[in-house]
C-alpha atoms as a PDB file:
ATOM      1  CA  MET A   1      30.633  38.473  -8.213  1.00  0.00           C
ATOM      2  CA  LEU A   2      28.541  38.327 -11.357  1.00  0.00           C
ATOM      3  CA  ALA A   3      28.125  34.848 -12.855  1.00  0.00           C
ATOM      4  CA  LEU A   4      27.543  34.198 -16.527  1.00  0.00           C
ATOM      5  CA  LEU A   5      24.845  31.612 -15.910  1.00  0.00           C
ATOM      6  CA  SER A   6      23.768  29.281 -18.686  1.00  0.00           C
ATOM      7  CA  SER A   7      21.128  26.589 -18.474  1.00  0.00           C
ATOM      8  CA  GLY A   8      23.789  23.913 -18.888  1.00  0.00           C
ATOM      9  CA  MET A   9      25.632  21.823 -16.332  1.00  0.00           C
ATOM     10  CA  ASP A  10      28.824  23.778 -15.629  1.00  0.00           C
ATOM     11  CA  SER A  11      27.948  27.331 -14.664  1.00  0.00           C
ATOM     12  CA  PRO A  12      25.418  26.359 -11.944  1.00  0.00           C
ATOM     13  CA  VAL A  13      28.102  24.137 -10.381  1.00  0.00           C
ATOM     14  CA  ALA A  14      30.632  26.990 -10.547  1.00  0.00           C
ATOM     15  CA  CYS A  15      28.102  29.248  -8.823  1.00  0.00           C
ATOM     16  CA  TYR A  16      27.471  26.662  -6.129  1.00  0.00           C
ATOM     17  CA  LEU A  17      31.202  26.297  -5.436  1.00  0.00           C
ATOM     18  CA  MET A  18      31.592  30.031  -4.924  1.00  0.00           C
ATOM     19  CA  LEU A  19      28.395  30.306  -2.849  1.00  0.00           C
ATOM     20  CA  ASN A  20      29.658  27.423  -0.726  1.00  0.00           C
ATOM     21  CA  ARG A  21      32.814  29.459  -0.052  1.00  0.00           C
ATOM     22  CA  GLY A  22      30.693  32.369   1.203  1.00  0.00           C
ATOM     23  CA  PHE A  23      30.789  34.661  -1.827  1.00  0.00           C
ATOM     24  CA  GLU A  24      27.795  36.725  -2.924  1.00  0.00           C
ATOM     25  CA  VAL A  25      26.782  35.798  -6.461  1.00  0.00           C
ATOM     26  CA  GLU A  26      24.546  37.682  -8.899  1.00  0.00           C
ATOM     27  CA  TYR A  27      23.507  36.100 -12.221  1.00  0.00           C
ATOM     28  CA  LEU A  28      23.526  37.158 -15.865  1.00  0.00           C
ATOM     29  CA  HIS A  29      21.928  35.010 -18.553  1.00  0.00           C
ATOM     30  CA  PHE A  30      22.270  35.450 -22.331  1.00  0.00           C
ATOM     31  CA  TRP A  31      19.485  33.621 -24.106  1.00  0.00           C
ATOM     32  CA  GLY A  32      15.864  33.768 -25.117  1.00  0.00           C
ATOM     33  CA  SER A  33      14.004  31.592 -22.598  1.00  0.00           C
ATOM     34  CA  SER A  34      14.258  32.035 -18.863  1.00  0.00           C
ATOM     35  CA  ASP A  35      12.281  28.986 -17.627  1.00  0.00           C
ATOM     36  CA  LYS A  36      15.291  26.736 -16.929  1.00  0.00           C
ATOM     37  CA  ILE A  37      17.282  29.641 -15.530  1.00  0.00           C
ATOM     38  CA  LYS A  38      14.484  30.461 -13.085  1.00  0.00           C
ATOM     39  CA  LYS A  39      14.597  26.872 -11.810  1.00  0.00           C
ATOM     40  CA  ILE A  40      18.394  26.946 -11.523  1.00  0.00           C
ATOM     41  CA  VAL A  41      18.408  30.295  -9.709  1.00  0.00           C
ATOM     42  CA  GLU A  42      15.671  29.059  -7.361  1.00  0.00           C
ATOM     43  CA  ARG A  43      17.833  26.045  -6.565  1.00  0.00           C
ATOM     44  CA  LEU A  44      20.950  28.172  -6.033  1.00  0.00           C
ATOM     45  CA  THR A  45      19.082  30.430  -3.582  1.00  0.00           C
ATOM     46  CA  GLU A  46      19.093  27.449  -1.228  1.00  0.00           C
ATOM     47  CA  PHE A  47      22.869  27.925  -0.981  1.00  0.00           C
ATOM     48  CA  GLY A  48      22.680  31.685  -0.491  1.00  0.00           C
ATOM     49  CA  GLY A  49      22.479  32.908  -4.078  1.00  0.00           C
ATOM     50  CA  SER A  50      20.659  36.004  -5.234  1.00  0.00           C
ATOM     51  CA  LYS A  51      16.925  35.763  -5.840  1.00  0.00           C
ATOM     52  CA  ARG A  52      17.202  37.662  -9.095  1.00  0.00           C
ATOM     53  CA  PHE A  53      18.939  37.347 -12.396  1.00  0.00           C
ATOM     54  CA  PHE A  54      19.557  39.638 -15.317  1.00  0.00           C
ATOM     55  CA  GLN A  55      18.718  38.494 -18.817  1.00  0.00           C
ATOM     56  CA  VAL A  56      19.955  39.856 -22.140  1.00  0.00           C
ATOM     57  CA  SER A  57      18.872  38.718 -25.580  1.00  0.00           C
ATOM     58  CA  HIS A  58      21.636  36.559 -26.995  1.00  0.00           C
ATOM     59  CA  SER A  59      20.300  37.186 -30.515  1.00  0.00           C
ATOM     60  CA  SER A  60      20.458  40.959 -30.060  1.00  0.00           C
ATOM     61  CA  MET A  61      24.074  40.731 -28.941  1.00  0.00           C
ATOM     62  CA  MET A  62      24.994  38.389 -31.801  1.00  0.00           C
ATOM     63  CA  ASN A  63      23.304  40.686 -34.337  1.00  0.00           C
ATOM     64  CA  GLU A  64      25.684  43.438 -33.225  1.00  0.00           C
ATOM     65  CA  ILE A  65      28.711  41.138 -33.310  1.00  0.00           C
ATOM     66  CA  PHE A  66      27.885  39.905 -36.823  1.00  0.00           C
ATOM     67  CA  LYS A  67      28.116  43.496 -38.074  1.00  0.00           C
ATOM     68  CA  LEU A  68      31.886  43.164 -37.541  1.00  0.00           C
ATOM     69  CA  GLU A  69      34.246  41.588 -40.053  1.00  0.00           C
ATOM     70  CA  PHE A  70      35.792  38.334 -38.847  1.00  0.00           C
ATOM     71  CA  ASP A  71      36.137  34.731 -39.970  1.00  0.00           C
ATOM     72  CA  ARG A  72      32.952  33.003 -38.765  1.00  0.00           C
ATOM     73  CA  LYS A  73      34.951  30.094 -37.335  1.00  0.00           C
ATOM     74  CA  TYR A  74      35.687  32.550 -34.477  1.00  0.00           C
ATOM     75  CA  THR A  75      31.990  33.074 -33.695  1.00  0.00           C
ATOM     76  CA  CYS A  76      32.167  31.342 -30.296  1.00  0.00           C
ATOM     77  CA  VAL A  77      35.153  33.433 -29.253  1.00  0.00           C
ATOM     78  CA  MET A  78      33.484  36.642 -30.419  1.00  0.00           C
ATOM     79  CA  CYS A  79      30.318  35.654 -28.580  1.00  0.00           C
ATOM     80  CA  LYS A  80      32.219  35.080 -25.337  1.00  0.00           C
ATOM     81  CA  ARG A  81      34.086  38.393 -25.823  1.00  0.00           C
ATOM     82  CA  GLY A  82      30.726  40.121 -26.110  1.00  0.00           C
ATOM     83  CA  MET A  83      29.306  38.347 -23.079  1.00  0.00           C
ATOM     84  CA  LEU A  84      32.305  39.195 -20.919  1.00  0.00           C
ATOM     85  CA  ALA A  85      32.377  42.815 -22.061  1.00  0.00           C
ATOM     86  CA  PHE A  86      28.667  43.227 -21.335  1.00  0.00           C
ATOM     87  CA  ALA A  87      29.055  41.422 -18.006  1.00  0.00           C
ATOM     88  CA  GLU A  88      31.807  43.833 -16.989  1.00  0.00           C
ATOM     89  CA  LEU A  89      29.496  46.787 -17.681  1.00  0.00           C
ATOM     90  CA  LEU A  90      26.734  45.246 -15.571  1.00  0.00           C
ATOM     91  CA  ALA A  91      29.152  44.197 -12.818  1.00  0.00           C
ATOM     92  CA  ASN A  92      30.340  47.788 -12.522  1.00  0.00           C
ATOM     93  CA  ASP A  93      26.734  49.025 -12.380  1.00  0.00           C
ATOM     94  CA  ILE A  94      25.638  46.626  -9.627  1.00  0.00           C
ATOM     95  CA  GLY A  95      28.860  46.627  -7.583  1.00  0.00           C
ATOM     96  CA  CYS A  96      30.411  43.257  -8.415  1.00  0.00           C
ATOM     97  CA  ASP A  97      34.205  42.904  -8.211  1.00  0.00           C
ATOM     98  CA  ALA A  98      34.679  39.862 -10.445  1.00  0.00           C
ATOM     99  CA  LEU A  99      33.013  37.733 -13.094  1.00  0.00           C
ATOM    100  CA  LEU A 100      32.358  34.019 -12.668  1.00  0.00           C
ATOM    101  CA  THR A 101      32.079  31.427 -15.429  1.00  0.00           C
ATOM    102  CA  GLY A 102      31.679  27.671 -15.697  1.00  0.00           C
ATOM    103  CA  ASP A 103      34.609  27.403 -18.106  1.00  0.00           C
ATOM    104  CA  ASN A 104      36.376  24.070 -18.088  1.00  0.00           C
ATOM    105  CA  LEU A 105      39.673  23.974 -19.939  1.00  0.00           C
ATOM    106  CA  GLY A 106      39.395  22.268 -23.309  1.00  0.00           C
ATOM    107  CA  GLN A 107      35.780  21.141 -22.928  1.00  0.00           C
ATOM    108  CA  VAL A 108      34.512  23.241 -25.856  1.00  0.00           C
ATOM    109  CA  ALA A 109      36.200  25.287 -28.564  1.00  0.00           C
ATOM    110  CA  SER A 110      35.885  28.597 -26.715  1.00  0.00           C
ATOM    111  CA  GLN A 111      37.659  27.156 -23.668  1.00  0.00           C
ATOM    112  CA  THR A 112      41.206  26.659 -24.918  1.00  0.00           C
ATOM    113  CA  VAL A 113      43.996  28.736 -23.406  1.00  0.00           C
ATOM    114  CA  SER A 114      44.444  30.887 -26.528  1.00  0.00           C
ATOM    115  CA  ASN A 115      40.697  31.450 -26.891  1.00  0.00           C
ATOM    116  CA  ILE A 116      40.276  32.338 -23.215  1.00  0.00           C
ATOM    117  CA  LYS A 117      43.068  34.897 -23.621  1.00  0.00           C
ATOM    118  CA  ALA A 118      41.349  36.398 -26.689  1.00  0.00           C
ATOM    119  CA  GLU A 119      37.981  36.472 -24.917  1.00  0.00           C
ATOM    120  CA  GLU A 120      39.396  38.530 -22.054  1.00  0.00           C
ATOM    121  CA  GLU A 121      41.197  41.135 -24.195  1.00  0.00           C
ATOM    122  CA  LEU A 122      38.407  43.702 -23.879  1.00  0.00           C
ATOM    123  CA  ILE A 123      37.910  43.588 -20.131  1.00  0.00           C
ATOM    124  CA  SER A 124      39.837  44.511 -17.015  1.00  0.00           C
ATOM    125  CA  ILE A 125      37.720  42.829 -14.329  1.00  0.00           C
ATOM    126  CA  PRO A 126      38.956  39.457 -12.975  1.00  0.00           C
ATOM    127  CA  VAL A 127      37.262  36.337 -14.371  1.00  0.00           C
ATOM    128  CA  LEU A 128      37.065  33.440 -11.912  1.00  0.00           C
ATOM    129  CA  ARG A 129      36.802  29.883 -13.273  1.00  0.00           C
ATOM    130  CA  PRO A 130      36.448  27.447 -10.374  1.00  0.00           C
ATOM    131  CA  LEU A 131      35.886  24.469 -12.732  1.00  0.00           C
ATOM    132  CA  ILE A 132      38.917  25.056 -14.950  1.00  0.00           C
ATOM    133  CA  GLY A 133      40.607  21.752 -14.056  1.00  0.00           C
ATOM    134  CA  PHE A 134      37.556  19.594 -13.319  1.00  0.00           C
ATOM    135  CA  ASP A 135      36.574  16.704 -15.563  1.00  0.00           C
ATOM    136  CA  LYS A 136      32.976  16.225 -16.681  1.00  0.00           C
ATOM    137  CA  ASP A 137      32.327  13.346 -14.278  1.00  0.00           C
ATOM    138  CA  GLU A 138      33.265  15.539 -11.305  1.00  0.00           C
ATOM    139  CA  ILE A 139      30.965  18.317 -12.520  1.00  0.00           C
ATOM    140  CA  VAL A 140      28.064  15.903 -13.092  1.00  0.00           C
ATOM    141  CA  GLN A 141      28.529  14.465  -9.598  1.00  0.00           C
ATOM    142  CA  ILE A 142      28.339  17.915  -7.970  1.00  0.00           C
ATOM    143  CA  ALA A 143      25.348  18.890 -10.149  1.00  0.00           C
ATOM    144  CA  ARG A 144      23.511  15.770  -8.951  1.00  0.00           C
ATOM    145  CA  GLU A 145      24.401  16.511  -5.318  1.00  0.00           C
ATOM    146  CA  ILE A 146      23.133  20.096  -5.450  1.00  0.00           C
ATOM    147  CA  GLY A 147      19.995  19.334  -7.458  1.00  0.00           C
ATOM    148  CA  THR A 148      20.758  21.171 -10.696  1.00  0.00           C
ATOM    149  CA  TYR A 149      21.541  18.115 -12.844  1.00  0.00           C
ATOM    150  CA  ASP A 150      17.938  17.247 -13.755  1.00  0.00           C
ATOM    151  CA  ILE A 151      17.203  20.874 -14.610  1.00  0.00           C
ATOM    152  CA  SER A 152      20.321  21.234 -16.776  1.00  0.00           C
ATOM    153  CA  ILE A 153      19.583  18.127 -18.848  1.00  0.00           C
ATOM    154  CA  GLU A 154      16.048  19.253 -19.756  1.00  0.00           C
ATOM    155  CA  LYS A 155      15.816  19.487 -23.549  1.00  0.00           C
ATOM    156  CA  GLU A 156      16.124  22.859 -25.248  1.00  0.00           C
ATOM    157  CA  LYS A 157      17.385  24.203 -28.535  1.00  0.00           C
ATOM    158  CA  GLY A 158      21.137  24.486 -28.847  1.00  0.00           C
ATOM    159  CA  CYS A 159      22.936  27.634 -29.910  1.00  0.00           C
ATOM    160  CA  ARG A 160      22.193  28.368 -33.544  1.00  0.00           C
ATOM    161  CA  TYR A 161      25.375  30.402 -33.975  1.00  0.00           C
ATOM    162  CA  VAL A 162      27.948  27.657 -33.347  1.00  0.00           C
ATOM    163  CA  PRO A 163      29.995  27.175 -36.536  1.00  0.00           C
ATOM    164  CA  LYS A 164      30.531  23.725 -38.028  1.00  0.00           C
ATOM    165  CA  LYS A 165      34.264  23.935 -37.278  1.00  0.00           C
ATOM    166  CA  PRO A 166      34.894  26.407 -34.442  1.00  0.00           C
ATOM    167  CA  ALA A 167      38.398  27.777 -34.048  1.00  0.00           C
ATOM    168  CA  THR A 168      40.444  26.605 -31.076  1.00  0.00           C
ATOM    169  CA  LYS A 169      43.333  29.060 -31.496  1.00  0.00           C
ATOM    170  CA  ALA A 170      42.118  32.620 -31.780  1.00  0.00           C
ATOM    171  CA  LYS A 171      44.011  35.062 -33.918  1.00  0.00           C
ATOM    172  CA  LYS A 172      43.640  38.837 -33.789  1.00  0.00           C
ATOM    173  CA  LEU A 173      39.941  39.636 -33.661  1.00  0.00           C
ATOM    174  CA  PRO A 174      38.050  42.916 -34.048  1.00  0.00           C
ATOM    175  CA  ARG A 175      37.126  44.988 -31.018  1.00  0.00           C
ATOM    176  CA  ILE A 176      33.518  44.994 -29.915  1.00  0.00           C
ATOM    177  CA  ASP A 177      32.249  48.493 -29.174  1.00  0.00           C
ATOM    178  CA  VAL A 178      31.135  48.382 -25.548  1.00  0.00           C
ATOM    179  CA  GLU A 179      28.897  51.383 -26.158  1.00  0.00           C
ATOM    180  CA  VAL A 180      26.894  49.235 -28.580  1.00  0.00           C
ATOM    181  CA  LEU A 181      26.645  46.567 -25.891  1.00  0.00           C
ATOM    182  CA  ARG A 182      25.563  49.157 -23.335  1.00  0.00           C
ATOM    183  CA  ARG A 183      22.456  49.790 -25.476  1.00  0.00           C
ATOM    184  CA  LEU A 184      21.295  46.175 -25.276  1.00  0.00           C
ATOM    185  CA  GLU A 185      18.054  45.786 -23.368  1.00  0.00           C
ATOM    186  CA  ILE A 186      18.434  44.079 -20.008  1.00  0.00           C
ATOM    187  CA  GLU A 187      15.652  42.542 -17.984  1.00  0.00           C
ATOM    188  CA  GLU A 188      15.809  41.939 -14.233  1.00  0.00           C
ATOM    189  CA  ILE A 189      13.856  38.851 -13.168  1.00  0.00           C
ATOM    190  CA  ARG A 190      13.107  37.851  -9.580  1.00  0.00           C
ATOM    191  CA  VAL A 191      12.423  34.251  -8.542  1.00  0.00           C
END
């Protein structure tokens, strides 16, 4: 499976849970800096994870998304739609059968039931969410046990695209042209 791996707490724990069950996991990261991700991937290799990750410029993707007309309170949902659509393209290219996220129901605006439904509208590949019913304390405990907690809490800039009042109930949103996403530059990094 292909994991959408952030430098936060949740997605490394989701990856660990699936690795612990014997699944092969590849990683995709949307952001600018790869230092924390390298440390997280190195840690996950101890549980059988891939020794590489793919990185795509989050800003480049968002620049394409902002060319579309939509109420900016849906920015987080549109971002996740773009990430999932791009991830499906990459998953197909590298032979992954499913996507993996660290989504936790209701934890952030993009992780409500209606927003999750809207985020998946453009894709056909299954999205696995092993943390969907976990509470934050459970996730923190696992992160500490597997050694990703201290890495995840290292300071870094937050997402500059998050609106002041993000929507929690997505309405009809514009389609993202996957061909535009296909043109985004991808970098493969080995740890």
